[in-house]
Amino acid sequence: MNVFKLKDLILEKLNAKRDDFDFKFNRKDEELRIERKDNRKGVDIELAKAAQKAKNDDKFVDEIIYYINETLTRMEDESVNLDQSMVYPVVRSTSFYEETKSGLKFIMDDHTNETRVYYAMDFKNSYRLIDEKLAESFGMSHEDIRVLAYNNLNNLKIDYKKQTVQENDFYFVNHNDGYDASRILNEQFLNDMHEICEGEMMVGLPHQDVLIIADVKNEVGYDIMAQMMMQYFAEGLTPITSLSFSYRDKRLQPVFILGKQKNSKRGN
């Protein structure tokens, strides 16, 4: 599927759900802008990336439509009630936008060289990143939002599935609640996982809806982790980073070259 067919398919499916939007197609950048007619708020879809993912997943277009529809609904001008929603931290790539289309800066914190923490109001079927103006309307400081979000995050349950490949153990956190990658911010969980790892603990957040923890016991494990990260990164609707992180001394360090490490045992 090329970008032109994908554009037409997205518009056709979205038209079947609503008619209160306009669109603009940037042929040069292969980007589709869809926005509400009443307030011009909207979303941008990078069609080249989406078309590539749609080739590997028949349901991906439906996911895009769901995302656009829910986002446009949430962008209707209305007061946002903090009492009717939850606030959570979300992890994004450092290349992610730092401000809204109207120039309002998002509330955010540094995380690693590859990632940054934003804060989102959760509406169950959609979410809204908190910007400085929205935070001000709540009468909350940056620190207030951070504390509230992390408290909510730490109350989320964490289940995982384990898979062993060539003596290396891989743990997958995948609740599909929009905050799987965010669980990397739960320090107690990381420390608990570190305790059960026999080799080097590696952590990956290729996209928003999965967190991978690997107990790497031999050099093959690094290569498996690298391949896994690239695959998940390419398939995710909200990709974050294809790099893995080594978790040592309660710190995340990005690993740029996998499969080259000599000492996989902790303490070596």
C-alpha atoms as a PDB file:
ATOM      1  CA  MET A   1       0.000   0.000   0.000  1.00  0.00           C
ATOM      2  CA  ASN A   2       1.450   3.371  -1.007  1.00  0.00           C
ATOM      3  CA  VAL A   3       0.863   6.673   0.794  1.00  0.00           C
ATOM      4  CA  PHE A   4      -1.807   7.839  -1.652  1.00  0.00           C
ATOM      5  CA  LYS A   5      -3.927   4.718  -1.223  1.00  0.00           C
ATOM      6  CA  LEU A   6      -3.469   4.905   2.539  1.00  0.00           C
ATOM      7  CA  LYS A   7      -4.552   8.559   2.560  1.00  0.00           C
ATOM      8  CA  ASP A   8      -7.713   7.731   0.619  1.00  0.00           C
ATOM      9  CA  LEU A   9      -8.458   4.744   2.851  1.00  0.00           C
ATOM     10  CA  ILE A  10      -8.051   6.768   6.048  1.00  0.00           C
ATOM     11  CA  LEU A  11     -10.354   9.511   4.777  1.00  0.00           C
ATOM     12  CA  GLU A  12     -12.934   6.997   3.564  1.00  0.00           C
ATOM     13  CA  LYS A  13     -13.058   5.173   6.908  1.00  0.00           C
ATOM     14  CA  LEU A  14     -13.068   8.387   8.931  1.00  0.00           C
ATOM     15  CA  ASN A  15     -15.860   9.860   6.790  1.00  0.00           C
ATOM     16  CA  ALA A  16     -17.955   6.841   7.714  1.00  0.00           C
ATOM     17  CA  LYS A  17     -17.658   7.857  11.376  1.00  0.00           C
ATOM     18  CA  ARG A  18     -17.907  11.662  11.264  1.00  0.00           C
ATOM     19  CA  ASP A  19     -18.106  14.675   8.958  1.00  0.00           C
ATOM     20  CA  ASP A  20     -16.862  17.503  11.205  1.00  0.00           C
ATOM     21  CA  PHE A  21     -13.288  17.535   9.950  1.00  0.00           C
ATOM     22  CA  ASP A  22     -11.138  18.939   7.177  1.00  0.00           C
ATOM     23  CA  PHE A  23      -7.864  17.587   5.867  1.00  0.00           C
ATOM     24  CA  LYS A  24      -4.674  18.799   4.210  1.00  0.00           C
ATOM     25  CA  PHE A  25      -2.220  16.590   2.361  1.00  0.00           C
ATOM     26  CA  ASN A  26       1.423  17.631   2.238  1.00  0.00           C
ATOM     27  CA  ARG A  27       2.691  15.757  -0.805  1.00  0.00           C
ATOM     28  CA  LYS A  28       6.320  16.719  -0.233  1.00  0.00           C
ATOM     29  CA  ASP A  29       6.479  15.469   3.370  1.00  0.00           C
ATOM     30  CA  GLU A  30       3.873  12.740   2.757  1.00  0.00           C
ATOM     31  CA  GLU A  31       1.936  13.959   5.780  1.00  0.00           C
ATOM     32  CA  LEU A  32      -1.819  14.041   6.289  1.00  0.00           C
ATOM     33  CA  ARG A  33      -3.278  16.730   8.540  1.00  0.00           C
ATOM     34  CA  ILE A  34      -6.777  16.075   9.914  1.00  0.00           C
ATOM     35  CA  GLU A  35      -8.419  18.768  12.028  1.00  0.00           C
ATOM     36  CA  ARG A  36     -11.772  19.759  13.445  1.00  0.00           C
ATOM     37  CA  LYS A  37     -13.771  22.315  11.458  1.00  0.00           C
ATOM     38  CA  ASP A  38     -14.827  24.297  14.511  1.00  0.00           C
ATOM     39  CA  ASN A  39     -11.506  25.033  16.244  1.00  0.00           C
ATOM     40  CA  ARG A  40      -8.861  23.756  13.754  1.00  0.00           C
ATOM     41  CA  LYS A  41      -7.334  21.439  16.348  1.00  0.00           C
ATOM     42  CA  GLY A  42      -6.122  18.186  14.847  1.00  0.00           C
ATOM     43  CA  VAL A  43      -3.518  15.500  14.303  1.00  0.00           C
ATOM     44  CA  ASP A  44      -0.752  14.846  11.780  1.00  0.00           C
ATOM     45  CA  ILE A  45      -0.196  11.394  10.311  1.00  0.00           C
ATOM     46  CA  GLU A  46       3.161  10.496   8.757  1.00  0.00           C
ATOM     47  CA  LEU A  47       1.864   8.393   5.892  1.00  0.00           C
ATOM     48  CA  ALA A  48       5.182   6.859   4.788  1.00  0.00           C
ATOM     49  CA  LYS A  49       5.791   5.282   8.185  1.00  0.00           C
ATOM     50  CA  ALA A  50       2.149   4.283   8.566  1.00  0.00           C
ATOM     51  CA  ALA A  51       2.060   2.655   5.112  1.00  0.00           C
ATOM     52  CA  GLN A  52       5.085   0.521   5.935  1.00  0.00           C
ATOM     53  CA  LYS A  53       3.490  -0.689   9.171  1.00  0.00           C
ATOM     54  CA  ALA A  54       0.158  -1.300   7.443  1.00  0.00           C
ATOM     55  CA  LYS A  55       1.875  -3.772   5.096  1.00  0.00           C
ATOM     56  CA  ASN A  56       2.729  -5.966   8.087  1.00  0.00           C
ATOM     57  CA  ASP A  57      -0.496  -5.552  10.035  1.00  0.00           C
ATOM     58  CA  ASP A  58      -3.966  -5.646   8.474  1.00  0.00           C
ATOM     59  CA  LYS A  59      -5.499  -4.055  11.579  1.00  0.00           C
ATOM     60  CA  PHE A  60      -3.119  -1.108  11.684  1.00  0.00           C
ATOM     61  CA  VAL A  61      -5.353   1.172   9.587  1.00  0.00           C
ATOM     62  CA  ASP A  62      -8.244   0.543  11.976  1.00  0.00           C
ATOM     63  CA  GLU A  63      -5.953   1.507  14.865  1.00  0.00           C
ATOM     64  CA  ILE A  64      -5.126   4.771  13.098  1.00  0.00           C
ATOM     65  CA  ILE A  65      -8.821   5.533  12.537  1.00  0.00           C
ATOM     66  CA  TYR A  66      -9.611   4.807  16.179  1.00  0.00           C
ATOM     67  CA  TYR A  67      -6.786   7.077  17.314  1.00  0.00           C
ATOM     68  CA  ILE A  68      -7.827   9.939  15.015  1.00  0.00           C
ATOM     69  CA  ASN A  69     -11.505   9.668  15.904  1.00  0.00           C
ATOM     70  CA  GLU A  70     -10.919   9.620  19.663  1.00  0.00           C
ATOM     71  CA  THR A  71      -8.415  12.463  19.444  1.00  0.00           C
ATOM     72  CA  LEU A  72     -10.736  14.709  17.429  1.00  0.00           C
ATOM     73  CA  THR A  73     -13.538  14.032  19.884  1.00  0.00           C
ATOM     74  CA  ARG A  74     -11.335  14.948  22.813  1.00  0.00           C
ATOM     75  CA  MET A  75     -10.194  18.138  21.060  1.00  0.00           C
ATOM     76  CA  GLU A  76     -13.671  19.635  21.164  1.00  0.00           C
ATOM     77  CA  ASP A  77     -13.532  22.900  23.103  1.00  0.00           C
ATOM     78  CA  GLU A  78     -14.686  22.049  26.595  1.00  0.00           C
ATOM     79  CA  SER A  79     -13.476  22.409  30.130  1.00  0.00           C
ATOM     80  CA  VAL A  80     -11.249  19.595  31.338  1.00  0.00           C
ATOM     81  CA  ASN A  81     -12.167  18.310  34.794  1.00  0.00           C
ATOM     82  CA  LEU A  82      -9.216  16.880  36.706  1.00  0.00           C
ATOM     83  CA  ASP A  83     -11.596  15.057  39.056  1.00  0.00           C
ATOM     84  CA  GLN A  84     -12.958  13.018  36.143  1.00  0.00           C
ATOM     85  CA  SER A  85      -9.613  11.777  34.856  1.00  0.00           C
ATOM     86  CA  MET A  86      -6.308  10.297  35.963  1.00  0.00           C
ATOM     87  CA  VAL A  87      -2.838  11.712  35.362  1.00  0.00           C
ATOM     88  CA  TYR A  88       0.018   9.405  34.386  1.00  0.00           C
ATOM     89  CA  PRO A  89       3.576   9.879  33.163  1.00  0.00           C
ATOM     90  CA  VAL A  90       4.250   8.768  29.583  1.00  0.00           C
ATOM     91  CA  VAL A  91       7.624   8.160  27.975  1.00  0.00           C
ATOM     92  CA  ARG A  92       8.440   9.542  24.547  1.00  0.00           C
ATOM     93  CA  SER A  93      11.518   9.874  22.360  1.00  0.00           C
ATOM     94  CA  THR A  94      13.570  13.050  22.787  1.00  0.00           C
ATOM     95  CA  SER A  95      12.621  13.851  19.177  1.00  0.00           C
ATOM     96  CA  PHE A  96       8.957  14.123  20.206  1.00  0.00           C
ATOM     97  CA  TYR A  97       7.285  17.557  20.127  1.00  0.00           C
ATOM     98  CA  GLU A  98       8.109  19.858  23.047  1.00  0.00           C
ATOM     99  CA  GLU A  99       5.082  22.099  22.539  1.00  0.00           C
ATOM    100  CA  THR A 100       1.570  22.064  21.143  1.00  0.00           C
ATOM    101  CA  LYS A 101       0.699  23.297  17.663  1.00  0.00           C
ATOM    102  CA  SER A 102      -0.312  26.606  19.225  1.00  0.00           C
ATOM    103  CA  GLY A 103       3.082  27.005  20.895  1.00  0.00           C
ATOM    104  CA  LEU A 104       2.251  25.946  24.458  1.00  0.00           C
ATOM    105  CA  LYS A 105       5.076  24.047  26.136  1.00  0.00           C
ATOM    106  CA  PHE A 106       4.308  20.593  27.472  1.00  0.00           C
ATOM    107  CA  ILE A 107       5.042  19.725  31.088  1.00  0.00           C
ATOM    108  CA  MET A 108       7.999  17.338  30.771  1.00  0.00           C
ATOM    109  CA  ASP A 109      11.111  16.010  32.515  1.00  0.00           C
ATOM    110  CA  ASP A 110      14.411  14.582  31.329  1.00  0.00           C
ATOM    111  CA  HIS A 111      14.725  10.814  31.584  1.00  0.00           C
ATOM    112  CA  THR A 112      17.633   9.401  29.546  1.00  0.00           C
ATOM    113  CA  ASN A 113      19.600  10.604  26.537  1.00  0.00           C
ATOM    114  CA  GLU A 114      17.023   8.827  24.363  1.00  0.00           C
ATOM    115  CA  THR A 115      13.798   9.459  26.248  1.00  0.00           C
ATOM    116  CA  ARG A 116      11.762  12.162  27.954  1.00  0.00           C
ATOM    117  CA  VAL A 117       8.823  12.022  30.374  1.00  0.00           C
ATOM    118  CA  TYR A 118       5.560  13.832  29.586  1.00  0.00           C
ATOM    119  CA  TYR A 119       2.353  13.853  31.610  1.00  0.00           C
ATOM    120  CA  ALA A 120      -1.034  12.798  30.298  1.00  0.00           C
ATOM    121  CA  MET A 121      -4.626  13.117  31.410  1.00  0.00           C
ATOM    122  CA  ASP A 122      -6.276   9.772  30.838  1.00  0.00           C
ATOM    123  CA  PHE A 123      -9.871   9.722  29.560  1.00  0.00           C
ATOM    124  CA  LYS A 124     -10.054   5.896  29.206  1.00  0.00           C
ATOM    125  CA  ASN A 125     -10.527   5.971  25.430  1.00  0.00           C
ATOM    126  CA  SER A 126      -8.027   8.760  24.791  1.00  0.00           C
ATOM    127  CA  TYR A 127      -5.551  11.004  26.555  1.00  0.00           C
ATOM    128  CA  ARG A 128      -4.266  14.569  26.467  1.00  0.00           C
ATOM    129  CA  LEU A 129      -0.711  15.642  27.173  1.00  0.00           C
ATOM    130  CA  ILE A 130      -0.581  18.354  29.818  1.00  0.00           C
ATOM    131  CA  ASP A 131       0.798  21.702  28.733  1.00  0.00           C
ATOM    132  CA  GLU A 132       1.695  24.686  30.908  1.00  0.00           C
ATOM    133  CA  LYS A 133      -1.637  26.436  30.316  1.00  0.00           C
ATOM    134  CA  LEU A 134      -3.644  23.354  31.269  1.00  0.00           C
ATOM    135  CA  ALA A 135      -1.541  22.851  34.399  1.00  0.00           C
ATOM    136  CA  GLU A 136      -2.133  26.484  35.348  1.00  0.00           C
ATOM    137  CA  SER A 137      -5.894  26.050  34.949  1.00  0.00           C
ATOM    138  CA  PHE A 138      -5.720  23.263  37.551  1.00  0.00           C
ATOM    139  CA  GLY A 139      -3.719  25.461  39.907  1.00  0.00           C
ATOM    140  CA  MET A 140      -0.996  22.806  39.936  1.00  0.00           C
ATOM    141  CA  SER A 141       2.762  23.223  39.740  1.00  0.00           C
ATOM    142  CA  HIS A 142       5.104  21.038  37.696  1.00  0.00           C
ATOM    143  CA  GLU A 143       6.055  19.214  40.882  1.00  0.00           C
ATOM    144  CA  ASP A 144       2.394  18.679  41.862  1.00  0.00           C
ATOM    145  CA  ILE A 145       1.702  17.021  38.529  1.00  0.00           C
ATOM    146  CA  ARG A 146       4.838  14.892  38.746  1.00  0.00           C
ATOM    147  CA  VAL A 147       3.992  13.592  42.226  1.00  0.00           C
ATOM    148  CA  LEU A 148       0.359  12.864  41.301  1.00  0.00           C
ATOM    149  CA  ALA A 149       1.339  11.075  38.071  1.00  0.00           C
ATOM    150  CA  TYR A 150       3.989   8.885  39.683  1.00  0.00           C
ATOM    151  CA  ASN A 151       1.684   7.941  42.543  1.00  0.00           C
ATOM    152  CA  ASN A 152      -0.929   6.835  40.017  1.00  0.00           C
ATOM    153  CA  LEU A 153       1.689   4.943  38.014  1.00  0.00           C
ATOM    154  CA  ASN A 154       2.930   3.041  41.048  1.00  0.00           C
ATOM    155  CA  ASN A 155      -0.629   1.835  41.674  1.00  0.00           C
ATOM    156  CA  LEU A 156      -0.872   0.206  38.236  1.00  0.00           C
ATOM    157  CA  LYS A 157      -0.504  -3.547  38.360  1.00  0.00           C
ATOM    158  CA  ILE A 158       2.442  -5.129  36.589  1.00  0.00           C
ATOM    159  CA  ASP A 159       2.101  -8.596  35.108  1.00  0.00           C
ATOM    160  CA  TYR A 160       4.552 -10.115  32.665  1.00  0.00           C
ATOM    161  CA  LYS A 161       5.087 -13.136  30.479  1.00  0.00           C
ATOM    162  CA  LYS A 162       8.419 -14.924  30.484  1.00  0.00           C
ATOM    163  CA  GLN A 163      10.148 -16.505  27.502  1.00  0.00           C
ATOM    164  CA  THR A 164      13.519 -18.271  27.584  1.00  0.00           C
ATOM    165  CA  VAL A 165      15.637 -18.286  24.417  1.00  0.00           C
ATOM    166  CA  GLN A 166      19.042 -19.977  24.380  1.00  0.00           C
ATOM    167  CA  GLU A 167      19.396 -19.673  28.176  1.00  0.00           C
ATOM    168  CA  ASN A 168      18.407 -15.986  28.188  1.00  0.00           C
ATOM    169  CA  ASP A 169      15.182 -14.944  29.939  1.00  0.00           C
ATOM    170  CA  PHE A 170      12.904 -12.265  28.466  1.00  0.00           C
ATOM    171  CA  TYR A 171      10.017 -10.678  30.373  1.00  0.00           C
ATOM    172  CA  PHE A 172       7.249  -8.858  28.488  1.00  0.00           C
ATOM    173  CA  VAL A 173       4.955  -6.301  30.134  1.00  0.00           C
ATOM    174  CA  ASN A 174       1.968  -5.780  27.853  1.00  0.00           C
ATOM    175  CA  HIS A 175      -1.301  -4.648  29.474  1.00  0.00           C
ATOM    176  CA  ASN A 176      -2.377  -2.584  26.436  1.00  0.00           C
ATOM    177  CA  ASP A 177      -3.523   0.236  28.704  1.00  0.00           C
ATOM    178  CA  GLY A 178      -1.293   2.871  27.097  1.00  0.00           C
ATOM    179  CA  TYR A 179       1.204   2.842  29.965  1.00  0.00           C
ATOM    180  CA  ASP A 180       3.304  -0.276  29.470  1.00  0.00           C
ATOM    181  CA  ALA A 181       6.418   1.712  28.556  1.00  0.00           C
ATOM    182  CA  SER A 182       5.685   4.081  31.461  1.00  0.00           C
ATOM    183  CA  ARG A 183       6.281   1.256  33.889  1.00  0.00           C
ATOM    184  CA  ILE A 184       9.994   1.734  33.279  1.00  0.00           C
ATOM    185  CA  LEU A 185       9.557   4.693  35.655  1.00  0.00           C
ATOM    186  CA  ASN A 186       8.515   2.385  38.507  1.00  0.00           C
ATOM    187  CA  GLU A 187      11.851   2.098  40.318  1.00  0.00           C
ATOM    188  CA  GLN A 188      10.641  -0.555  42.739  1.00  0.00           C
ATOM    189  CA  PHE A 189       9.651  -2.815  39.854  1.00  0.00           C
ATOM    190  CA  LEU A 190      13.037  -2.362  38.156  1.00  0.00           C
ATOM    191  CA  ASN A 191      14.851  -3.125  41.395  1.00  0.00           C
ATOM    192  CA  ASP A 192      12.726  -6.233  41.986  1.00  0.00           C
ATOM    193  CA  MET A 193      13.509  -7.486  38.477  1.00  0.00           C
ATOM    194  CA  HIS A 194      17.191  -6.725  38.991  1.00  0.00           C
ATOM    195  CA  GLU A 195      17.194  -9.015  42.010  1.00  0.00           C
ATOM    196  CA  ILE A 196      15.999 -12.019  40.013  1.00  0.00           C
ATOM    197  CA  CYS A 197      18.378 -11.490  37.083  1.00  0.00           C
ATOM    198  CA  GLU A 198      21.370 -13.806  37.042  1.00  0.00           C
ATOM    199  CA  GLY A 199      23.138 -12.075  34.159  1.00  0.00           C
ATOM    200  CA  GLU A 200      23.023  -8.468  32.960  1.00  0.00           C
ATOM    201  CA  MET A 201      19.632  -6.803  33.149  1.00  0.00           C
ATOM    202  CA  MET A 202      18.623  -5.084  29.922  1.00  0.00           C
ATOM    203  CA  VAL A 203      15.491  -2.946  29.541  1.00  0.00           C
ATOM    204  CA  GLY A 204      13.741  -1.968  26.323  1.00  0.00           C
ATOM    205  CA  LEU A 205      10.793   0.297  25.539  1.00  0.00           C
ATOM    206  CA  PRO A 206      10.522   0.139  21.729  1.00  0.00           C
ATOM    207  CA  HIS A 207       7.005   1.562  21.732  1.00  0.00           C
ATOM    208  CA  GLN A 208       4.296   2.773  24.064  1.00  0.00           C
ATOM    209  CA  ASP A 209       2.542  -0.562  24.518  1.00  0.00           C
ATOM    210  CA  VAL A 210       5.338  -2.863  25.626  1.00  0.00           C
ATOM    211  CA  LEU A 211       8.190  -2.991  28.134  1.00  0.00           C
ATOM    212  CA  ILE A 212      10.842  -5.677  27.697  1.00  0.00           C
ATOM    213  CA  ILE A 213      13.229  -6.794  30.418  1.00  0.00           C
ATOM    214  CA  ALA A 214      15.973  -9.258  29.548  1.00  0.00           C
ATOM    215  CA  ASP A 215      18.171 -11.336  31.796  1.00  0.00           C
ATOM    216  CA  VAL A 216      21.130 -11.677  29.427  1.00  0.00           C
ATOM    217  CA  LYS A 217      23.384 -14.578  30.352  1.00  0.00           C
ATOM    218  CA  ASN A 218      25.474 -14.954  27.199  1.00  0.00           C
ATOM    219  CA  GLU A 219      26.461 -12.939  24.134  1.00  0.00           C
ATOM    220  CA  VAL A 220      23.666 -14.469  22.044  1.00  0.00           C
ATOM    221  CA  GLY A 221      21.230 -12.761  24.387  1.00  0.00           C
ATOM    222  CA  TYR A 222      22.404  -9.305  23.337  1.00  0.00           C
ATOM    223  CA  ASP A 223      21.832 -10.105  19.661  1.00  0.00           C
ATOM    224  CA  ILE A 224      18.371 -11.502  20.397  1.00  0.00           C
ATOM    225  CA  MET A 225      17.486  -8.366  22.346  1.00  0.00           C
ATOM    226  CA  ALA A 226      18.734  -6.121  19.529  1.00  0.00           C
ATOM    227  CA  GLN A 227      16.667  -7.937  16.891  1.00  0.00           C
ATOM    228  CA  MET A 228      13.621  -7.924  19.151  1.00  0.00           C
ATOM    229  CA  MET A 229      13.900  -4.198  19.772  1.00  0.00           C
ATOM    230  CA  MET A 230      14.141  -3.366  16.076  1.00  0.00           C
ATOM    231  CA  GLN A 231      11.088  -5.486  15.283  1.00  0.00           C
ATOM    232  CA  TYR A 232       8.915  -4.007  18.046  1.00  0.00           C
ATOM    233  CA  PHE A 233      10.083  -0.478  17.262  1.00  0.00           C
ATOM    234  CA  ALA A 234       9.042  -0.854  13.613  1.00  0.00           C
ATOM    235  CA  GLU A 235       5.627  -2.257  14.521  1.00  0.00           C
ATOM    236  CA  GLY A 236       4.573   0.171  17.258  1.00  0.00           C
ATOM    237  CA  LEU A 237       1.931   2.857  16.743  1.00  0.00           C
ATOM    238  CA  THR A 238       3.878   5.172  19.069  1.00  0.00           C
ATOM    239  CA  PRO A 239       7.561   4.188  18.702  1.00  0.00           C
ATOM    240  CA  ILE A 240       9.995   5.385  21.378  1.00  0.00           C
ATOM    241  CA  THR A 241      13.496   3.971  20.855  1.00  0.00           C
ATOM    242  CA  SER A 242      15.105   0.914  19.284  1.00  0.00           C
ATOM    243  CA  LEU A 243      18.013   1.094  21.739  1.00  0.00           C
ATOM    244  CA  SER A 244      18.185  -1.047  24.859  1.00  0.00           C
ATOM    245  CA  PHE A 245      19.279   0.093  28.285  1.00  0.00           C
ATOM    246  CA  SER A 246      21.527  -1.624  30.774  1.00  0.00           C
ATOM    247  CA  TYR A 247      20.208  -1.343  34.335  1.00  0.00           C
ATOM    248  CA  ARG A 248      23.052  -1.109  36.832  1.00  0.00           C
ATOM    249  CA  ASP A 249      23.368   0.672  40.166  1.00  0.00           C
ATOM    250  CA  LYS A 250      19.746   1.798  39.774  1.00  0.00           C
ATOM    251  CA  ARG A 251      20.589   3.681  36.583  1.00  0.00           C
ATOM    252  CA  LEU A 252      19.584   3.189  32.950  1.00  0.00           C
ATOM    253  CA  GLN A 253      22.441   3.427  30.463  1.00  0.00           C
ATOM    254  CA  PRO A 254      21.736   3.199  26.704  1.00  0.00           C
ATOM    255  CA  VAL A 255      23.610   0.428  24.899  1.00  0.00           C
ATOM    256  CA  PHE A 256      24.547   1.459  21.363  1.00  0.00           C
ATOM    257  CA  ILE A 257      26.369  -1.691  20.259  1.00  0.00           C
ATOM    258  CA  LEU A 258      24.811  -4.991  21.220  1.00  0.00           C
ATOM    259  CA  GLY A 259      26.388  -8.407  20.973  1.00  0.00           C
ATOM    260  CA  LYS A 260      29.869  -7.077  21.784  1.00  0.00           C
ATOM    261  CA  GLN A 261      29.821  -7.282  25.577  1.00  0.00           C
ATOM    262  CA  LYS A 262      32.259  -9.715  27.147  1.00  0.00           C
ATOM    263  CA  ASN A 263      31.112  -9.691  30.781  1.00  0.00           C
ATOM    264  CA  SER A 264      27.442 -10.498  31.124  1.00  0.00           C
ATOM    265  CA  LYS A 265      27.453 -11.426  34.799  1.00  0.00           C
ATOM    266  CA  ARG A 266      26.612  -8.709  37.249  1.00  0.00           C
ATOM    267  CA  GLY A 267      29.531  -7.544  39.296  1.00  0.00           C
ATOM    268  CA  ASN A 268      32.130  -8.516  36.667  1.00  0.00           C
END
